[in-house]
Amino acid sequence: MFHSHFANKPILVTGGAGFLGGYLVARLEELGSTVVTLDRQKPAPENQNQLVQDSIEHAINLIALEDFQYIFHLAGNSSVPSSVENPLMDLNANIHSTFALLEAIKRASRKPKLVNVSSAAVYGQPEQLPIKENAQLMPISPYGVSKLTAERYVAAYTKCYGLQAASVRPFSIYGPGQRKQVVFDLLEKIRESPAQINLFGDGKQERDFIFVTDAIEALLLVAVHSPGGGECINVATGTATSIQEVFQTVCRIRGLHTRLITSKARIGDPDRWQADISKLKALGFESSVDIEEGLQRVCAWHSSLYAKRSAEKPV
């Protein structure tokens, strides 16, 4: 549905060398967009887009933002545990960089539409499920606070300076290539100890998992069809899955009978997340990869990752 809309359109992706950013850049290039990536890291070799390898605060003033149709802002810290360990780093990565980007867009002669990637962490421990965008926002980690602050700046700039922007709140994105978060951590623990693994929490914690390619389609829909008045939109499937269910599915796919030992949950991790995705569906979103298929794809990637490493070891 996006081929005609994004073809030959110039687009800036901040954080385009990361997990989600890499998928987004690849999809935009597939659609015929001219993509510029702004990231401290180098992107994967298969992404042949232009790269500005620098911080947002420094590089954004060297780029003519009026040349772009859209800006997807993915740069920043994406880890709750690291925000707990180093909240100042998280503040700088998520608030200062967003502020610098907004200031640069404000100065541009023609203002591109901004899609700011926030997080469901802004909700904290929700009082009601499924979680609607107008639910009470009580983040329980520095990461959630910084993402909420960035959202508020985005909304304020649309009202004060006429920017077109929307913030998306992804829930638990997963997929091949991701080397952190719940699914990857489980696979790594099972690989290292197939007989028994230890898990943070009791396994009953629920997440609204969304496969990475579905999340990318959601971002594109928001770019094209959202009003751009600073609104926030959940990105998820609307289905809750417990960590224990994910563990059992992975074990079934792998043909293992791993024992699960539970423990105290990590600070900053909520108990239950399930999104109301009415807003996203109104833009035309439909999930195409369910949790079973998604986990099969991730397990296949994870197996190939270590098979490749074994093959590369010197004899």
C-alpha atoms as a PDB file:
ATOM      1  CA  MET A   1       0.000   0.000   0.000  1.00  0.00           C
ATOM      2  CA  PHE A   2       2.973   2.347   0.497  1.00  0.00           C
ATOM      3  CA  HIS A   3       4.846   1.970  -2.807  1.00  0.00           C
ATOM      4  CA  SER A   4       3.489   5.086  -4.486  1.00  0.00           C
ATOM      5  CA  HIS A   5       3.621   7.210  -1.351  1.00  0.00           C
ATOM      6  CA  PHE A   6       7.245   6.693  -0.342  1.00  0.00           C
ATOM      7  CA  ALA A   7       8.791   6.214  -3.790  1.00  0.00           C
ATOM      8  CA  ASN A   8      11.499   8.829  -4.465  1.00  0.00           C
ATOM      9  CA  LYS A   9      10.720  10.613  -1.196  1.00  0.00           C
ATOM     10  CA  PRO A  10      13.703  11.915   0.838  1.00  0.00           C
ATOM     11  CA  ILE A  11      13.512  10.616   4.426  1.00  0.00           C
ATOM     12  CA  LEU A  12      15.726  11.047   7.488  1.00  0.00           C
ATOM     13  CA  VAL A  13      15.966   8.231  10.054  1.00  0.00           C
ATOM     14  CA  THR A  14      17.728   8.992  13.323  1.00  0.00           C
ATOM     15  CA  GLY A  15      18.977   5.830  15.013  1.00  0.00           C
ATOM     16  CA  GLY A  16      18.812   4.032  11.685  1.00  0.00           C
ATOM     17  CA  ALA A  17      21.707   1.727  12.523  1.00  0.00           C
ATOM     18  CA  GLY A  18      19.860   0.085  15.429  1.00  0.00           C
ATOM     19  CA  PHE A  19      17.592  -2.958  15.413  1.00  0.00           C
ATOM     20  CA  LEU A  20      14.302  -1.224  14.621  1.00  0.00           C
ATOM     21  CA  GLY A  21      16.000   1.488  12.597  1.00  0.00           C
ATOM     22  CA  GLY A  22      17.720  -1.060  10.383  1.00  0.00           C
ATOM     23  CA  TYR A  23      14.415  -2.702   9.515  1.00  0.00           C
ATOM     24  CA  LEU A  24      12.830   0.691   8.858  1.00  0.00           C
ATOM     25  CA  VAL A  25      15.633   1.842   6.563  1.00  0.00           C
ATOM     26  CA  ALA A  26      15.531  -1.437   4.621  1.00  0.00           C
ATOM     27  CA  ARG A  27      11.747  -1.160   4.187  1.00  0.00           C
ATOM     28  CA  LEU A  28      11.947   2.466   3.032  1.00  0.00           C
ATOM     29  CA  GLU A  29      14.643   1.586   0.516  1.00  0.00           C
ATOM     30  CA  GLU A  30      12.474  -1.289  -0.707  1.00  0.00           C
ATOM     31  CA  LEU A  31       9.708   1.256  -1.262  1.00  0.00           C
ATOM     32  CA  GLY A  32      12.058   3.441  -3.303  1.00  0.00           C
ATOM     33  CA  SER A  33      12.748   6.176  -0.765  1.00  0.00           C
ATOM     34  CA  THR A  34      15.976   8.144  -0.617  1.00  0.00           C
ATOM     35  CA  VAL A  35      17.059   7.562   2.978  1.00  0.00           C
ATOM     36  CA  VAL A  36      19.638   9.389   5.081  1.00  0.00           C
ATOM     37  CA  THR A  37      20.568   7.748   8.379  1.00  0.00           C
ATOM     38  CA  LEU A  38      21.836   9.716  11.358  1.00  0.00           C
ATOM     39  CA  ASP A  39      23.464   7.466  13.941  1.00  0.00           C
ATOM     40  CA  ARG A  40      26.662   7.150  15.948  1.00  0.00           C
ATOM     41  CA  GLN A  41      27.009   3.575  14.695  1.00  0.00           C
ATOM     42  CA  LYS A  42      27.463   2.257  11.182  1.00  0.00           C
ATOM     43  CA  PRO A  43      24.398   0.559   9.687  1.00  0.00           C
ATOM     44  CA  ALA A  44      24.339  -3.047   8.513  1.00  0.00           C
ATOM     45  CA  PRO A  45      26.155  -3.561   5.175  1.00  0.00           C
ATOM     46  CA  GLU A  46      22.918  -4.426   3.362  1.00  0.00           C
ATOM     47  CA  ASN A  47      21.558  -0.920   4.041  1.00  0.00           C
ATOM     48  CA  GLN A  48      23.189   1.240   1.398  1.00  0.00           C
ATOM     49  CA  ASN A  49      21.657   4.560   2.456  1.00  0.00           C
ATOM     50  CA  GLN A  50      23.632   7.702   3.144  1.00  0.00           C
ATOM     51  CA  LEU A  51      25.069   7.851   6.661  1.00  0.00           C
ATOM     52  CA  VAL A  52      25.794  10.784   8.915  1.00  0.00           C
ATOM     53  CA  GLN A  53      27.817   9.190  11.716  1.00  0.00           C
ATOM     54  CA  ASP A  54      27.519  11.671  14.558  1.00  0.00           C
ATOM     55  CA  SER A  55      25.346  12.727  17.495  1.00  0.00           C
ATOM     56  CA  ILE A  56      22.023  14.403  16.781  1.00  0.00           C
ATOM     57  CA  GLU A  57      22.964  17.499  18.766  1.00  0.00           C
ATOM     58  CA  HIS A  58      25.983  18.133  16.542  1.00  0.00           C
ATOM     59  CA  ALA A  59      24.975  16.773  13.147  1.00  0.00           C
ATOM     60  CA  ILE A  60      21.395  18.030  12.959  1.00  0.00           C
ATOM     61  CA  ASN A  61      22.611  21.574  12.338  1.00  0.00           C
ATOM     62  CA  LEU A  62      24.623  20.402   9.331  1.00  0.00           C
ATOM     63  CA  ILE A  63      21.631  18.816   7.570  1.00  0.00           C
ATOM     64  CA  ALA A  64      19.033  20.747   5.555  1.00  0.00           C
ATOM     65  CA  LEU A  65      15.889  19.353   7.178  1.00  0.00           C
ATOM     66  CA  GLU A  66      13.596  21.118   4.692  1.00  0.00           C
ATOM     67  CA  ASP A  67      14.875  18.659   2.080  1.00  0.00           C
ATOM     68  CA  PHE A  68      13.072  15.761   3.816  1.00  0.00           C
ATOM     69  CA  GLN A  69       9.450  14.684   3.552  1.00  0.00           C
ATOM     70  CA  TYR A  70       9.498  12.720   6.821  1.00  0.00           C
ATOM     71  CA  ILE A  71      11.767  12.276   9.820  1.00  0.00           C
ATOM     72  CA  PHE A  72      11.581   9.071  11.858  1.00  0.00           C
ATOM     73  CA  HIS A  73      13.207   9.697  15.245  1.00  0.00           C
ATOM     74  CA  LEU A  74      14.469   6.414  16.719  1.00  0.00           C
ATOM     75  CA  ALA A  75      17.773   7.573  18.209  1.00  0.00           C
ATOM     76  CA  GLY A  76      18.342   7.354  21.946  1.00  0.00           C
ATOM     77  CA  ASN A  77      18.572   4.880  24.789  1.00  0.00           C
ATOM     78  CA  SER A  78      16.153   1.949  24.481  1.00  0.00           C
ATOM     79  CA  SER A  79      17.006  -0.007  27.634  1.00  0.00           C
ATOM     80  CA  VAL A  80      15.124   0.164  30.932  1.00  0.00           C
ATOM     81  CA  PRO A  81      17.932  -1.529  32.958  1.00  0.00           C
ATOM     82  CA  SER A  82      20.585   0.858  31.617  1.00  0.00           C
ATOM     83  CA  SER A  83      18.364   3.819  32.506  1.00  0.00           C
ATOM     84  CA  VAL A  84      18.121   2.525  36.070  1.00  0.00           C
ATOM     85  CA  GLU A  85      21.903   2.123  36.215  1.00  0.00           C
ATOM     86  CA  ASN A  86      22.653   5.482  34.594  1.00  0.00           C
ATOM     87  CA  PRO A  87      19.669   7.856  34.533  1.00  0.00           C
ATOM     88  CA  LEU A  88      21.774  10.838  33.423  1.00  0.00           C
ATOM     89  CA  MET A  89      22.870   8.977  30.313  1.00  0.00           C
ATOM     90  CA  ASP A  90      19.226   8.138  29.612  1.00  0.00           C
ATOM     91  CA  LEU A  91      18.153  11.758  30.075  1.00  0.00           C
ATOM     92  CA  ASN A  92      20.784  13.003  27.637  1.00  0.00           C
ATOM     93  CA  ALA A  93      20.075  10.294  25.076  1.00  0.00           C
ATOM     94  CA  ASN A  94      16.294  10.616  25.050  1.00  0.00           C
ATOM     95  CA  ILE A  95      15.437  14.176  26.059  1.00  0.00           C
ATOM     96  CA  HIS A  96      18.312  16.363  24.877  1.00  0.00           C
ATOM     97  CA  SER A  97      18.527  14.670  21.477  1.00  0.00           C
ATOM     98  CA  THR A  98      14.768  15.040  20.898  1.00  0.00           C
ATOM     99  CA  PHE A  99      14.869  18.687  21.946  1.00  0.00           C
ATOM    100  CA  ALA A 100      17.759  19.383  19.552  1.00  0.00           C
ATOM    101  CA  LEU A 101      15.855  17.733  16.700  1.00  0.00           C
ATOM    102  CA  LEU A 102      12.681  19.717  17.424  1.00  0.00           C
ATOM    103  CA  GLU A 103      14.622  22.976  17.505  1.00  0.00           C
ATOM    104  CA  ALA A 104      16.187  22.169  14.138  1.00  0.00           C
ATOM    105  CA  ILE A 105      12.805  21.324  12.592  1.00  0.00           C
ATOM    106  CA  LYS A 106      11.386  24.561  14.008  1.00  0.00           C
ATOM    107  CA  ARG A 107      14.068  26.542  12.157  1.00  0.00           C
ATOM    108  CA  ALA A 108      13.566  24.716   8.846  1.00  0.00           C
ATOM    109  CA  SER A 109      11.939  26.726   6.038  1.00  0.00           C
ATOM    110  CA  ARG A 110       9.725  23.732   5.209  1.00  0.00           C
ATOM    111  CA  LYS A 111       8.963  21.450   8.129  1.00  0.00           C
ATOM    112  CA  PRO A 112       9.002  17.682   7.506  1.00  0.00           C
ATOM    113  CA  LYS A 113       6.503  15.518   9.375  1.00  0.00           C
ATOM    114  CA  LEU A 114       8.055  13.874  12.434  1.00  0.00           C
ATOM    115  CA  VAL A 115       7.311  10.394  13.747  1.00  0.00           C
ATOM    116  CA  ASN A 116       8.784  10.221  17.237  1.00  0.00           C
ATOM    117  CA  VAL A 117       9.327   6.700  18.561  1.00  0.00           C
ATOM    118  CA  SER A 118       8.452   6.719  22.253  1.00  0.00           C
ATOM    119  CA  SER A 119       7.638   3.650  24.372  1.00  0.00           C
ATOM    120  CA  ALA A 120       4.864   1.900  26.274  1.00  0.00           C
ATOM    121  CA  ALA A 121       7.106   2.396  29.317  1.00  0.00           C
ATOM    122  CA  VAL A 122       5.341   5.754  29.769  1.00  0.00           C
ATOM    123  CA  TYR A 123       2.357   3.834  31.221  1.00  0.00           C
ATOM    124  CA  GLY A 124       4.208   2.168  34.105  1.00  0.00           C
ATOM    125  CA  GLN A 125       1.885  -0.203  35.985  1.00  0.00           C
ATOM    126  CA  PRO A 126      -1.461   0.289  34.216  1.00  0.00           C
ATOM    127  CA  GLU A 127      -4.648   0.358  36.283  1.00  0.00           C
ATOM    128  CA  GLN A 128      -6.800  -1.024  33.454  1.00  0.00           C
ATOM    129  CA  LEU A 129      -6.258  -3.341  30.493  1.00  0.00           C
ATOM    130  CA  PRO A 130      -6.160  -2.981  27.575  1.00  0.00           C
ATOM    131  CA  ILE A 131      -4.220   0.271  27.848  1.00  0.00           C
ATOM    132  CA  LYS A 132      -5.622   3.237  25.958  1.00  0.00           C
ATOM    133  CA  GLU A 133      -3.498   6.214  24.972  1.00  0.00           C
ATOM    134  CA  ASN A 134      -5.436   8.428  27.410  1.00  0.00           C
ATOM    135  CA  ALA A 135      -4.635   6.156  30.392  1.00  0.00           C
ATOM    136  CA  GLN A 136      -2.879   7.628  33.407  1.00  0.00           C
ATOM    137  CA  LEU A 137       0.831   7.968  32.699  1.00  0.00           C
ATOM    138  CA  MET A 138       2.948   6.894  35.680  1.00  0.00           C
ATOM    139  CA  PRO A 139       6.316   5.600  34.426  1.00  0.00           C
ATOM    140  CA  ILE A 140       8.267   3.515  36.919  1.00  0.00           C
ATOM    141  CA  SER A 141      11.737   3.811  35.363  1.00  0.00           C
ATOM    142  CA  PRO A 142      13.967   6.717  34.288  1.00  0.00           C
ATOM    143  CA  TYR A 143      13.550   5.422  30.732  1.00  0.00           C
ATOM    144  CA  GLY A 144       9.776   5.814  30.929  1.00  0.00           C
ATOM    145  CA  VAL A 145      10.171   9.321  32.336  1.00  0.00           C
ATOM    146  CA  SER A 146      12.552  10.414  29.588  1.00  0.00           C
ATOM    147  CA  LYS A 147      10.318   8.999  26.851  1.00  0.00           C
ATOM    148  CA  LEU A 148       7.273  10.733  28.329  1.00  0.00           C
ATOM    149  CA  THR A 149       9.156  14.027  28.557  1.00  0.00           C
ATOM    150  CA  ALA A 150      10.204  13.732  24.914  1.00  0.00           C
ATOM    151  CA  GLU A 151       6.573  13.060  23.935  1.00  0.00           C
ATOM    152  CA  ARG A 152       5.454  16.183  25.761  1.00  0.00           C
ATOM    153  CA  TYR A 153       8.074  18.299  23.988  1.00  0.00           C
ATOM    154  CA  VAL A 154       6.917  16.911  20.630  1.00  0.00           C
ATOM    155  CA  ALA A 155       3.288  17.751  21.408  1.00  0.00           C
ATOM    156  CA  ALA A 156       4.196  21.224  22.679  1.00  0.00           C
ATOM    157  CA  TYR A 157       6.174  22.034  19.528  1.00  0.00           C
ATOM    158  CA  THR A 158       3.215  21.112  17.323  1.00  0.00           C
ATOM    159  CA  LYS A 159       1.056  23.586  19.250  1.00  0.00           C
ATOM    160  CA  CYS A 160       3.609  26.385  19.619  1.00  0.00           C
ATOM    161  CA  TYR A 161       5.555  26.243  16.349  1.00  0.00           C
ATOM    162  CA  GLY A 162       3.301  24.530  13.826  1.00  0.00           C
ATOM    163  CA  LEU A 163       5.241  21.270  13.511  1.00  0.00           C
ATOM    164  CA  GLN A 164       3.501  18.178  12.165  1.00  0.00           C
ATOM    165  CA  ALA A 165       4.355  15.307  14.471  1.00  0.00           C
ATOM    166  CA  ALA A 166       3.076  12.172  16.182  1.00  0.00           C
ATOM    167  CA  SER A 167       4.573   9.943  18.858  1.00  0.00           C
ATOM    168  CA  VAL A 168       4.234   6.164  18.714  1.00  0.00           C
ATOM    169  CA  ARG A 169       4.323   3.983  21.813  1.00  0.00           C
ATOM    170  CA  PRO A 170       5.667   0.543  20.818  1.00  0.00           C
ATOM    171  CA  PHE A 171       5.046  -2.255  23.251  1.00  0.00           C
ATOM    172  CA  SER A 172       7.355  -5.339  23.093  1.00  0.00           C
ATOM    173  CA  ILE A 173       8.947  -5.395  19.638  1.00  0.00           C
ATOM    174  CA  TYR A 174      10.889  -8.545  18.776  1.00  0.00           C
ATOM    175  CA  GLY A 175      12.388 -10.211  15.713  1.00  0.00           C
ATOM    176  CA  PRO A 176      15.504 -11.653  14.062  1.00  0.00           C
ATOM    177  CA  GLY A 177      18.575  -9.534  14.683  1.00  0.00           C
ATOM    178  CA  GLN A 178      17.506  -8.222  18.082  1.00  0.00           C
ATOM    179  CA  ARG A 179      20.221  -8.923  20.635  1.00  0.00           C
ATOM    180  CA  LYS A 180      18.465  -7.853  23.832  1.00  0.00           C
ATOM    181  CA  GLN A 181      15.020  -7.837  25.447  1.00  0.00           C
ATOM    182  CA  VAL A 182      12.823 -10.750  26.540  1.00  0.00           C
ATOM    183  CA  VAL A 183      12.882 -13.134  23.565  1.00  0.00           C
ATOM    184  CA  PHE A 184      16.606 -12.886  22.867  1.00  0.00           C
ATOM    185  CA  ASP A 185      17.478 -13.143  26.565  1.00  0.00           C
ATOM    186  CA  LEU A 186      15.401 -16.322  26.852  1.00  0.00           C
ATOM    187  CA  LEU A 187      17.067 -17.879  23.800  1.00  0.00           C
ATOM    188  CA  GLU A 188      20.515 -17.044  25.138  1.00  0.00           C
ATOM    189  CA  LYS A 189      19.770 -18.500  28.561  1.00  0.00           C
ATOM    190  CA  ILE A 190      18.383 -21.716  27.048  1.00  0.00           C
ATOM    191  CA  ARG A 191      21.400 -22.021  24.749  1.00  0.00           C
ATOM    192  CA  GLU A 192      23.793 -21.640  27.657  1.00  0.00           C
ATOM    193  CA  SER A 193      21.821 -23.913  29.996  1.00  0.00           C
ATOM    194  CA  PRO A 194      19.344 -26.213  28.166  1.00  0.00           C
ATOM    195  CA  ALA A 195      18.451 -28.119  31.343  1.00  0.00           C
ATOM    196  CA  GLN A 196      17.461 -25.190  33.550  1.00  0.00           C
ATOM    197  CA  ILE A 197      17.287 -21.393  33.373  1.00  0.00           C
ATOM    198  CA  ASN A 198      16.628 -18.601  35.862  1.00  0.00           C
ATOM    199  CA  LEU A 199      14.068 -15.942  35.010  1.00  0.00           C
ATOM    200  CA  PHE A 200      13.469 -12.453  36.416  1.00  0.00           C
ATOM    201  CA  GLY A 201       9.942 -12.526  37.832  1.00  0.00           C
ATOM    202  CA  ASP A 202       7.493 -15.417  38.175  1.00  0.00           C
ATOM    203  CA  GLY A 203       6.869 -15.839  34.437  1.00  0.00           C
ATOM    204  CA  LYS A 204       3.302 -14.583  34.743  1.00  0.00           C
ATOM    205  CA  GLN A 205       4.245 -11.094  33.564  1.00  0.00           C
ATOM    206  CA  GLU A 206       2.417 -10.309  30.342  1.00  0.00           C
ATOM    207  CA  ARG A 207       3.608  -8.354  27.332  1.00  0.00           C
ATOM    208  CA  ASP A 208       1.979  -7.273  24.102  1.00  0.00           C
ATOM    209  CA  PHE A 209       4.534  -8.662  21.650  1.00  0.00           C
ATOM    210  CA  ILE A 210       4.656  -7.262  18.121  1.00  0.00           C
ATOM    211  CA  PHE A 211       6.876  -8.652  15.380  1.00  0.00           C
ATOM    212  CA  VAL A 212       9.337  -6.130  14.003  1.00  0.00           C
ATOM    213  CA  THR A 213       7.981  -6.055  10.438  1.00  0.00           C
ATOM    214  CA  ASP A 214       4.477  -5.349  11.766  1.00  0.00           C
ATOM    215  CA  ALA A 215       5.902  -2.537  13.890  1.00  0.00           C
ATOM    216  CA  ILE A 216       7.550  -1.023  10.811  1.00  0.00           C
ATOM    217  CA  GLU A 217       4.281  -1.047   8.873  1.00  0.00           C
ATOM    218  CA  ALA A 218       2.659   0.689  11.840  1.00  0.00           C
ATOM    219  CA  LEU A 219       5.284   3.458  11.763  1.00  0.00           C
ATOM    220  CA  LEU A 220       4.692   4.004   8.047  1.00  0.00           C
ATOM    221  CA  LEU A 221       0.934   4.178   8.571  1.00  0.00           C
ATOM    222  CA  VAL A 222       1.389   6.787  11.298  1.00  0.00           C
ATOM    223  CA  ALA A 223       3.655   8.828   9.023  1.00  0.00           C
ATOM    224  CA  VAL A 224       1.133   8.883   6.207  1.00  0.00           C
ATOM    225  CA  HIS A 225      -2.255   8.905   7.926  1.00  0.00           C
ATOM    226  CA  SER A 226      -1.942  10.382  11.435  1.00  0.00           C
ATOM    227  CA  PRO A 227      -3.176  13.964  11.944  1.00  0.00           C
ATOM    228  CA  GLY A 228       0.257  15.135  13.078  1.00  0.00           C
ATOM    229  CA  GLY A 229      -1.008  17.254  15.935  1.00  0.00           C
ATOM    230  CA  GLY A 230       1.272  15.765  18.581  1.00  0.00           C
ATOM    231  CA  GLU A 231      -0.981  12.756  19.216  1.00  0.00           C
ATOM    232  CA  CYS A 232       0.291   9.484  20.721  1.00  0.00           C
ATOM    233  CA  ILE A 233      -0.509   6.104  19.178  1.00  0.00           C
ATOM    234  CA  ASN A 234       0.027   2.614  20.599  1.00  0.00           C
ATOM    235  CA  VAL A 235       1.992   0.185  18.423  1.00  0.00           C
ATOM    236  CA  ALA A 236       1.160  -3.402  19.399  1.00  0.00           C
ATOM    237  CA  THR A 237      -1.137  -6.284  18.470  1.00  0.00           C
ATOM    238  CA  GLY A 238      -3.713  -5.931  21.228  1.00  0.00           C
ATOM    239  CA  THR A 239      -2.929  -9.442  22.512  1.00  0.00           C
ATOM    240  CA  ALA A 240      -1.192 -10.199  25.825  1.00  0.00           C
ATOM    241  CA  THR A 241       1.227 -13.134  26.110  1.00  0.00           C
ATOM    242  CA  SER A 242       2.916 -14.199  29.341  1.00  0.00           C
ATOM    243  CA  ILE A 243       6.681 -14.657  29.544  1.00  0.00           C
ATOM    244  CA  GLN A 244       5.987 -18.238  30.583  1.00  0.00           C
ATOM    245  CA  GLU A 245       4.019 -18.817  27.361  1.00  0.00           C
ATOM    246  CA  VAL A 246       6.909 -17.445  25.316  1.00  0.00           C
ATOM    247  CA  PHE A 247       9.299 -19.740  27.188  1.00  0.00           C
ATOM    248  CA  GLN A 248       7.092 -22.795  26.608  1.00  0.00           C
ATOM    249  CA  THR A 249       6.686 -21.985  22.907  1.00  0.00           C
ATOM    250  CA  VAL A 250      10.431 -21.584  22.429  1.00  0.00           C
ATOM    251  CA  CYS A 251      11.056 -24.895  24.193  1.00  0.00           C
ATOM    252  CA  ARG A 252       8.480 -26.611  21.991  1.00  0.00           C
ATOM    253  CA  ILE A 253      10.046 -25.157  18.832  1.00  0.00           C
ATOM    254  CA  ARG A 254      13.480 -26.277  19.985  1.00  0.00           C
ATOM    255  CA  GLY A 255      12.294 -29.685  21.215  1.00  0.00           C
ATOM    256  CA  LEU A 256      13.621 -29.023  24.725  1.00  0.00           C
ATOM    257  CA  HIS A 257      12.317 -29.708  28.256  1.00  0.00           C
ATOM    258  CA  THR A 258      14.085 -26.869  30.030  1.00  0.00           C
ATOM    259  CA  ARG A 259      13.153 -26.238  33.653  1.00  0.00           C
ATOM    260  CA  LEU A 260      12.197 -22.671  34.584  1.00  0.00           C
ATOM    261  CA  ILE A 261      13.369 -21.207  37.911  1.00  0.00           C
ATOM    262  CA  THR A 262      11.709 -17.897  38.796  1.00  0.00           C
ATOM    263  CA  SER A 263      13.005 -15.078  40.979  1.00  0.00           C
ATOM    264  CA  LYS A 264      12.339 -11.464  41.926  1.00  0.00           C
ATOM    265  CA  ALA A 265      11.328  -9.171  39.057  1.00  0.00           C
ATOM    266  CA  ARG A 266      13.713  -6.445  37.909  1.00  0.00           C
ATOM    267  CA  ILE A 267      13.209  -2.855  39.031  1.00  0.00           C
ATOM    268  CA  GLY A 268      11.316  -0.880  36.399  1.00  0.00           C
ATOM    269  CA  ASP A 269       9.602  -3.876  34.777  1.00  0.00           C
ATOM    270  CA  PRO A 270       5.765  -3.714  34.777  1.00  0.00           C
ATOM    271  CA  ASP A 271       3.600  -6.753  35.539  1.00  0.00           C
ATOM    272  CA  ARG A 272       1.051  -6.647  32.725  1.00  0.00           C
ATOM    273  CA  TRP A 273       0.876  -4.878  29.381  1.00  0.00           C
ATOM    274  CA  GLN A 274      -1.833  -5.182  26.780  1.00  0.00           C
ATOM    275  CA  ALA A 275      -2.553  -2.366  24.373  1.00  0.00           C
ATOM    276  CA  ASP A 276      -5.744  -0.940  23.008  1.00  0.00           C
ATOM    277  CA  ILE A 277      -4.837  -0.429  19.340  1.00  0.00           C
ATOM    278  CA  SER A 278      -8.069   1.199  18.167  1.00  0.00           C
ATOM    279  CA  LYS A 279      -6.204   4.323  17.018  1.00  0.00           C
ATOM    280  CA  LEU A 280      -3.691   2.290  15.029  1.00  0.00           C
ATOM    281  CA  LYS A 281      -6.400   0.129  13.470  1.00  0.00           C
ATOM    282  CA  ALA A 282      -8.253   3.277  12.419  1.00  0.00           C
ATOM    283  CA  LEU A 283      -5.184   4.135  10.325  1.00  0.00           C
ATOM    284  CA  GLY A 284      -5.462   0.761   8.555  1.00  0.00           C
ATOM    285  CA  PHE A 285      -3.188  -1.464  10.671  1.00  0.00           C
ATOM    286  CA  GLU A 286      -3.532  -5.242  10.763  1.00  0.00           C
ATOM    287  CA  SER A 287      -0.977  -7.545  12.368  1.00  0.00           C
ATOM    288  CA  SER A 288       0.333 -10.179   9.945  1.00  0.00           C
ATOM    289  CA  VAL A 289       2.720 -12.204  12.158  1.00  0.00           C
ATOM    290  CA  ASP A 290       1.357 -13.939  15.268  1.00  0.00           C
ATOM    291  CA  ILE A 291       3.501 -14.892  18.254  1.00  0.00           C
ATOM    292  CA  GLU A 292       3.958 -18.522  17.137  1.00  0.00           C
ATOM    293  CA  GLU A 293       5.234 -17.596  13.678  1.00  0.00           C
ATOM    294  CA  GLY A 294       7.316 -14.755  15.045  1.00  0.00           C
ATOM    295  CA  LEU A 295       9.053 -16.969  17.598  1.00  0.00           C
ATOM    296  CA  GLN A 296       9.732 -19.591  14.911  1.00  0.00           C
ATOM    297  CA  ARG A 297      11.457 -16.941  12.807  1.00  0.00           C
ATOM    298  CA  VAL A 298      13.525 -15.684  15.732  1.00  0.00           C
ATOM    299  CA  CYS A 299      14.507 -19.234  16.754  1.00  0.00           C
ATOM    300  CA  ALA A 300      15.605 -19.987  13.182  1.00  0.00           C
ATOM    301  CA  TRP A 301      17.715 -16.809  13.095  1.00  0.00           C
ATOM    302  CA  HIS A 302      19.220 -17.544  16.510  1.00  0.00           C
ATOM    303  CA  SER A 303      20.154 -21.103  15.469  1.00  0.00           C
ATOM    304  CA  SER A 304      21.740 -19.880  12.232  1.00  0.00           C
ATOM    305  CA  LEU A 305      23.685 -17.264  14.184  1.00  0.00           C
ATOM    306  CA  TYR A 306      25.505 -19.895  16.235  1.00  0.00           C
ATOM    307  CA  ALA A 307      25.784 -22.351  13.357  1.00  0.00           C
ATOM    308  CA  LYS A 308      27.602 -19.638  11.422  1.00  0.00           C
ATOM    309  CA  ARG A 309      29.923 -18.922  14.357  1.00  0.00           C
ATOM    310  CA  SER A 310      30.765 -22.632  14.665  1.00  0.00           C
ATOM    311  CA  ALA A 311      31.537 -22.835  10.959  1.00  0.00           C
ATOM    312  CA  GLU A 312      33.850 -19.828  11.188  1.00  0.00           C
ATOM    313  CA  LYS A 313      35.947 -21.309  14.019  1.00  0.00           C
ATOM    314  CA  PRO A 314      39.421 -22.419  12.854  1.00  0.00           C
ATOM    315  CA  VAL A 315      39.937 -26.173  12.641  1.00  0.00           C
END
